[in-house]
Amino acid sequence: MVSKTVKPLEQRDYFVFGRTLPQPWSDQDSASSDLDNTAEEIPFKAYRSAPSQIRPSKFPKQTSALSHGQVHDMDRRQAERFTKGKLPLEAVLDLHGQTQQQAQASLERFVASCRARDLRNVLVITGKGSGPHSQGVLKAMVPRWLNEEPNRSAILAFSHAKHHHGGSGALYVLLKRTRES
């Protein structure tokens, strides 16, 4: 039914990178095309050759500071699974009872160790702080430490944990994949 209302396109020359493509089939041309194969083909000429090496960027790549739930360089489905706590946890670091210096050193060792073992999704328990008006020193400092080197170059994202993993007193941390060179 639709085929009766379709009008053929006007005669066109079809070109792709300097080569003439065969014209669409038509009943009139089928008999003459078998006999007439003298169409001259235009040789392919590349616009320019590809560079042999990747050029370094004029501007060094800046790694922006991450915040809770901020997810970049991931597909939407994986990002949702990460922030909802549905990715399997591969390691846990509990910072309860540590001083700031001890906690920062523990966090750096933990991130480096997990990265060396090719782990991706880890949980860092900071605690919520003691007292009704306390915000928790480690709870406030761990996101800052995650944004400092050497941790920042190894981390893709972090987010507050779900209630069953510690809630706002814990963080899911997604580490970057280790690339073989």
C-alpha atoms as a PDB file:
ATOM      1  CA  MET A   1       0.000   0.000   0.000  1.00  0.00           C
ATOM      2  CA  VAL A   2       2.760   2.450   0.902  1.00  0.00           C
ATOM      3  CA  SER A   3       4.842   1.380  -2.097  1.00  0.00           C
ATOM      4  CA  LYS A   4       2.211   2.799  -4.441  1.00  0.00           C
ATOM      5  CA  THR A   5       2.596   6.287  -2.946  1.00  0.00           C
ATOM      6  CA  VAL A   6       6.418   6.359  -2.943  1.00  0.00           C
ATOM      7  CA  LYS A   7       8.083   8.496  -5.597  1.00  0.00           C
ATOM      8  CA  PRO A   8      11.633   7.628  -6.719  1.00  0.00           C
ATOM      9  CA  LEU A   9      14.363  10.186  -6.153  1.00  0.00           C
ATOM     10  CA  GLU A  10      15.618  12.124  -9.132  1.00  0.00           C
ATOM     11  CA  GLN A  11      18.740  10.775 -10.834  1.00  0.00           C
ATOM     12  CA  ARG A  12      21.793  11.587  -8.731  1.00  0.00           C
ATOM     13  CA  ASP A  13      25.440  10.750  -8.727  1.00  0.00           C
ATOM     14  CA  TYR A  14      26.423   9.001  -5.544  1.00  0.00           C
ATOM     15  CA  PHE A  15      29.940   9.698  -4.308  1.00  0.00           C
ATOM     16  CA  VAL A  16      31.823   8.400  -1.279  1.00  0.00           C
ATOM     17  CA  PHE A  17      35.420   9.570  -0.878  1.00  0.00           C
ATOM     18  CA  GLY A  18      35.843  10.151  -4.588  1.00  0.00           C
ATOM     19  CA  ARG A  19      34.503   6.761  -5.708  1.00  0.00           C
ATOM     20  CA  THR A  20      31.379   6.463  -7.776  1.00  0.00           C
ATOM     21  CA  LEU A  21      28.898   4.108  -6.197  1.00  0.00           C
ATOM     22  CA  PRO A  22      26.612   1.944  -8.291  1.00  0.00           C
ATOM     23  CA  GLN A  23      23.280   3.557  -9.018  1.00  0.00           C
ATOM     24  CA  PRO A  24      20.181   2.055  -7.449  1.00  0.00           C
ATOM     25  CA  TRP A  25      18.669  -0.805  -9.438  1.00  0.00           C
ATOM     26  CA  SER A  26      16.027   0.016 -12.011  1.00  0.00           C
ATOM     27  CA  ASP A  27      14.415  -2.169 -14.683  1.00  0.00           C
ATOM     28  CA  GLN A  28      15.601   0.032 -17.563  1.00  0.00           C
ATOM     29  CA  ASP A  29      19.245   0.001 -16.503  1.00  0.00           C
ATOM     30  CA  SER A  30      19.525  -3.737 -15.786  1.00  0.00           C
ATOM     31  CA  ALA A  31      19.979  -4.738 -19.412  1.00  0.00           C
ATOM     32  CA  SER A  32      22.343  -1.914 -20.330  1.00  0.00           C
ATOM     33  CA  SER A  33      24.480  -2.162 -17.155  1.00  0.00           C
ATOM     34  CA  ASP A  34      25.557  -5.726 -17.970  1.00  0.00           C
ATOM     35  CA  LEU A  35      26.886  -4.596 -21.323  1.00  0.00           C
ATOM     36  CA  ASP A  36      28.311  -1.242 -20.265  1.00  0.00           C
ATOM     37  CA  ASN A  37      31.099  -1.751 -17.683  1.00  0.00           C
ATOM     38  CA  THR A  38      33.299   1.006 -19.039  1.00  0.00           C
ATOM     39  CA  ALA A  39      32.506   3.491 -16.254  1.00  0.00           C
ATOM     40  CA  GLU A  40      35.723   5.109 -15.139  1.00  0.00           C
ATOM     41  CA  GLU A  41      36.452   4.748 -11.429  1.00  0.00           C
ATOM     42  CA  ILE A  42      38.032   7.685  -9.648  1.00  0.00           C
ATOM     43  CA  PRO A  43      40.998   6.525  -7.520  1.00  0.00           C
ATOM     44  CA  PHE A  44      40.717   6.978  -3.772  1.00  0.00           C
ATOM     45  CA  LYS A  45      42.788   9.830  -2.395  1.00  0.00           C
ATOM     46  CA  ALA A  46      42.992  10.314   1.338  1.00  0.00           C
ATOM     47  CA  TYR A  47      42.368  13.808   2.614  1.00  0.00           C
ATOM     48  CA  ARG A  48      45.422  13.581   4.848  1.00  0.00           C
ATOM     49  CA  SER A  49      47.245  10.836   6.624  1.00  0.00           C
ATOM     50  CA  ALA A  50      46.618  10.124  10.274  1.00  0.00           C
ATOM     51  CA  PRO A  51      49.274  11.348  12.705  1.00  0.00           C
ATOM     52  CA  SER A  52      51.810   8.710  13.685  1.00  0.00           C
ATOM     53  CA  GLN A  53      51.736   9.800  17.336  1.00  0.00           C
ATOM     54  CA  ILE A  54      49.131  11.360  19.550  1.00  0.00           C
ATOM     55  CA  ARG A  55      49.850  15.018  20.045  1.00  0.00           C
ATOM     56  CA  PRO A  56      50.197  16.106  23.662  1.00  0.00           C
ATOM     57  CA  SER A  57      47.505  18.476  24.836  1.00  0.00           C
ATOM     58  CA  LYS A  58      48.433  22.134  25.185  1.00  0.00           C
ATOM     59  CA  PHE A  59      46.617  22.170  28.484  1.00  0.00           C
ATOM     60  CA  PRO A  60      47.258  19.552  31.153  1.00  0.00           C
ATOM     61  CA  LYS A  61      44.141  17.591  32.066  1.00  0.00           C
ATOM     62  CA  GLN A  62      42.668  19.033  35.208  1.00  0.00           C
ATOM     63  CA  THR A  63      41.012  16.602  37.557  1.00  0.00           C
ATOM     64  CA  SER A  64      38.109  18.360  39.167  1.00  0.00           C
ATOM     65  CA  ALA A  65      37.238  17.900  42.796  1.00  0.00           C
ATOM     66  CA  LEU A  66      34.623  15.258  43.434  1.00  0.00           C
ATOM     67  CA  SER A  67      31.660  15.593  45.746  1.00  0.00           C
ATOM     68  CA  HIS A  68      29.210  13.047  47.128  1.00  0.00           C
ATOM     69  CA  GLY A  69      27.306  11.284  44.365  1.00  0.00           C
ATOM     70  CA  GLN A  70      29.042  13.176  41.568  1.00  0.00           C
ATOM     71  CA  VAL A  71      29.651  10.609  38.838  1.00  0.00           C
ATOM     72  CA  HIS A  72      31.630  11.220  35.632  1.00  0.00           C
ATOM     73  CA  ASP A  73      33.052   8.890  32.988  1.00  0.00           C
ATOM     74  CA  MET A  74      30.512   6.141  33.736  1.00  0.00           C
ATOM     75  CA  ASP A  75      27.436   4.952  31.951  1.00  0.00           C
ATOM     76  CA  ARG A  76      24.107   5.770  33.574  1.00  0.00           C
ATOM     77  CA  ARG A  77      23.315   2.207  34.653  1.00  0.00           C
ATOM     78  CA  GLN A  78      26.627   1.651  36.402  1.00  0.00           C
ATOM     79  CA  ALA A  79      26.369   5.083  38.061  1.00  0.00           C
ATOM     80  CA  GLU A  80      22.914   4.227  39.418  1.00  0.00           C
ATOM     81  CA  ARG A  81      24.087   0.872  40.720  1.00  0.00           C
ATOM     82  CA  PHE A  82      27.077   2.541  42.398  1.00  0.00           C
ATOM     83  CA  THR A  83      25.131   5.312  44.138  1.00  0.00           C
ATOM     84  CA  LYS A  84      22.366   2.891  45.230  1.00  0.00           C
ATOM     85  CA  GLY A  85      24.907   0.494  46.754  1.00  0.00           C
ATOM     86  CA  LYS A  86      24.107  -2.378  44.391  1.00  0.00           C
ATOM     87  CA  LEU A  87      27.687  -3.006  43.223  1.00  0.00           C
ATOM     88  CA  PRO A  88      29.400  -5.747  45.248  1.00  0.00           C
ATOM     89  CA  LEU A  89      31.775  -4.402  47.894  1.00  0.00           C
ATOM     90  CA  GLU A  90      35.285  -5.786  47.512  1.00  0.00           C
ATOM     91  CA  ALA A  91      36.997  -4.288  50.575  1.00  0.00           C
ATOM     92  CA  VAL A  92      36.140  -2.301  53.718  1.00  0.00           C
ATOM     93  CA  LEU A  93      38.199   0.222  55.717  1.00  0.00           C
ATOM     94  CA  ASP A  94      36.937   1.176  59.195  1.00  0.00           C
ATOM     95  CA  LEU A  95      38.445   4.423  60.514  1.00  0.00           C
ATOM     96  CA  HIS A  96      36.666   4.388  63.910  1.00  0.00           C
ATOM     97  CA  GLY A  97      38.923   5.388  66.793  1.00  0.00           C
ATOM     98  CA  GLN A  98      41.777   6.732  64.646  1.00  0.00           C
ATOM     99  CA  THR A  99      43.262  10.202  64.842  1.00  0.00           C
ATOM    100  CA  GLN A 100      43.240  12.405  61.736  1.00  0.00           C
ATOM    101  CA  GLN A 101      46.886  11.607  60.937  1.00  0.00           C
ATOM    102  CA  GLN A 102      46.341   7.868  61.401  1.00  0.00           C
ATOM    103  CA  ALA A 103      43.134   7.937  59.363  1.00  0.00           C
ATOM    104  CA  GLN A 104      44.714   9.862  56.478  1.00  0.00           C
ATOM    105  CA  ALA A 105      47.674   7.462  56.340  1.00  0.00           C
ATOM    106  CA  SER A 106      45.337   4.453  56.562  1.00  0.00           C
ATOM    107  CA  LEU A 107      43.162   5.823  53.752  1.00  0.00           C
ATOM    108  CA  GLU A 108      46.156   6.392  51.441  1.00  0.00           C
ATOM    109  CA  ARG A 109      47.522   2.884  52.118  1.00  0.00           C
ATOM    110  CA  PHE A 110      44.057   1.364  51.646  1.00  0.00           C
ATOM    111  CA  VAL A 111      43.431   3.085  48.295  1.00  0.00           C
ATOM    112  CA  ALA A 112      46.914   2.154  47.024  1.00  0.00           C
ATOM    113  CA  SER A 113      46.499  -1.446  48.200  1.00  0.00           C
ATOM    114  CA  CYS A 114      43.049  -1.832  46.614  1.00  0.00           C
ATOM    115  CA  ARG A 115      44.280  -0.325  43.373  1.00  0.00           C
ATOM    116  CA  ALA A 116      47.272  -2.707  43.338  1.00  0.00           C
ATOM    117  CA  ARG A 117      44.893  -5.654  43.848  1.00  0.00           C
ATOM    118  CA  ASP A 118      42.646  -4.342  41.040  1.00  0.00           C
ATOM    119  CA  LEU A 119      39.632  -3.829  43.324  1.00  0.00           C
ATOM    120  CA  ARG A 120      36.985  -1.345  42.188  1.00  0.00           C
ATOM    121  CA  ASN A 121      34.172  -0.788  44.697  1.00  0.00           C
ATOM    122  CA  VAL A 122      35.193  -0.306  48.339  1.00  0.00           C
ATOM    123  CA  LEU A 123      33.563   0.990  51.514  1.00  0.00           C
ATOM    124  CA  VAL A 124      35.219   3.509  53.847  1.00  0.00           C
ATOM    125  CA  ILE A 125      33.548   3.776  57.274  1.00  0.00           C
ATOM    126  CA  THR A 126      34.162   7.159  58.886  1.00  0.00           C
ATOM    127  CA  GLY A 127      31.558   7.164  61.635  1.00  0.00           C
ATOM    128  CA  LYS A 128      28.986   9.888  62.230  1.00  0.00           C
ATOM    129  CA  GLY A 129      30.736  11.644  65.102  1.00  0.00           C
ATOM    130  CA  SER A 130      30.029  11.512  68.806  1.00  0.00           C
ATOM    131  CA  GLY A 131      27.624  13.787  70.560  1.00  0.00           C
ATOM    132  CA  PRO A 132      24.349  15.313  69.425  1.00  0.00           C
ATOM    133  CA  HIS A 133      25.898  18.432  67.814  1.00  0.00           C
ATOM    134  CA  SER A 134      29.097  16.844  66.483  1.00  0.00           C
ATOM    135  CA  GLN A 135      29.490  16.605  62.711  1.00  0.00           C
ATOM    136  CA  GLY A 136      32.319  14.082  62.912  1.00  0.00           C
ATOM    137  CA  VAL A 137      35.872  15.132  62.101  1.00  0.00           C
ATOM    138  CA  LEU A 138      36.679  12.082  59.938  1.00  0.00           C
ATOM    139  CA  LYS A 139      33.300  12.305  58.226  1.00  0.00           C
ATOM    140  CA  ALA A 140      34.226  15.835  57.101  1.00  0.00           C
ATOM    141  CA  MET A 141      37.888  15.128  56.297  1.00  0.00           C
ATOM    142  CA  VAL A 142      37.689  11.887  54.296  1.00  0.00           C
ATOM    143  CA  PRO A 143      36.036  13.523  51.218  1.00  0.00           C
ATOM    144  CA  ARG A 144      38.774  16.173  51.306  1.00  0.00           C
ATOM    145  CA  TRP A 145      41.484  13.509  51.521  1.00  0.00           C
ATOM    146  CA  LEU A 146      39.904  11.586  48.655  1.00  0.00           C
ATOM    147  CA  ASN A 147      40.230  14.749  46.525  1.00  0.00           C
ATOM    148  CA  GLU A 148      43.943  15.149  47.342  1.00  0.00           C
ATOM    149  CA  GLU A 149      46.791  13.326  45.655  1.00  0.00           C
ATOM    150  CA  PRO A 150      47.720  10.466  45.569  1.00  0.00           C
ATOM    151  CA  ASN A 151      44.103   9.399  46.196  1.00  0.00           C
ATOM    152  CA  ARG A 152      42.366  11.629  43.606  1.00  0.00           C
ATOM    153  CA  SER A 153      44.176  10.124  40.621  1.00  0.00           C
ATOM    154  CA  ALA A 154      42.969   6.653  41.661  1.00  0.00           C
ATOM    155  CA  ILE A 155      39.321   7.512  42.366  1.00  0.00           C
ATOM    156  CA  LEU A 156      36.466   7.728  39.889  1.00  0.00           C
ATOM    157  CA  ALA A 157      33.667   8.642  42.318  1.00  0.00           C
ATOM    158  CA  PHE A 158      32.438   8.463  45.904  1.00  0.00           C
ATOM    159  CA  SER A 159      29.003   8.595  47.448  1.00  0.00           C
ATOM    160  CA  HIS A 160      27.247   8.294  50.791  1.00  0.00           C
ATOM    161  CA  ALA A 161      26.542   4.684  51.677  1.00  0.00           C
ATOM    162  CA  LYS A 162      23.058   3.270  52.051  1.00  0.00           C
ATOM    163  CA  HIS A 163      21.634   2.766  55.519  1.00  0.00           C
ATOM    164  CA  HIS A 164      22.494  -0.956  55.705  1.00  0.00           C
ATOM    165  CA  HIS A 165      26.178  -0.138  54.949  1.00  0.00           C
ATOM    166  CA  GLY A 166      26.510   2.706  57.458  1.00  0.00           C
ATOM    167  CA  GLY A 167      24.473   5.548  55.990  1.00  0.00           C
ATOM    168  CA  SER A 168      26.049   8.993  56.172  1.00  0.00           C
ATOM    169  CA  GLY A 169      28.835   7.574  58.363  1.00  0.00           C
ATOM    170  CA  ALA A 170      30.300   5.599  55.434  1.00  0.00           C
ATOM    171  CA  LEU A 171      31.278   6.195  51.814  1.00  0.00           C
ATOM    172  CA  TYR A 172      31.196   4.029  48.734  1.00  0.00           C
ATOM    173  CA  VAL A 173      34.409   4.686  46.806  1.00  0.00           C
ATOM    174  CA  LEU A 174      34.741   3.593  43.180  1.00  0.00           C
ATOM    175  CA  LEU A 175      38.345   3.233  42.082  1.00  0.00           C
ATOM    176  CA  LYS A 176      39.531   3.660  38.516  1.00  0.00           C
ATOM    177  CA  ARG A 177      40.516   0.599  36.539  1.00  0.00           C
ATOM    178  CA  THR A 178      44.213  -0.065  36.347  1.00  0.00           C
ATOM    179  CA  ARG A 179      45.384   0.290  32.759  1.00  0.00           C
ATOM    180  CA  GLU A 180      48.097  -1.970  31.418  1.00  0.00           C
ATOM    181  CA  SER A 181      50.749  -0.061  29.512  1.00  0.00           C
END
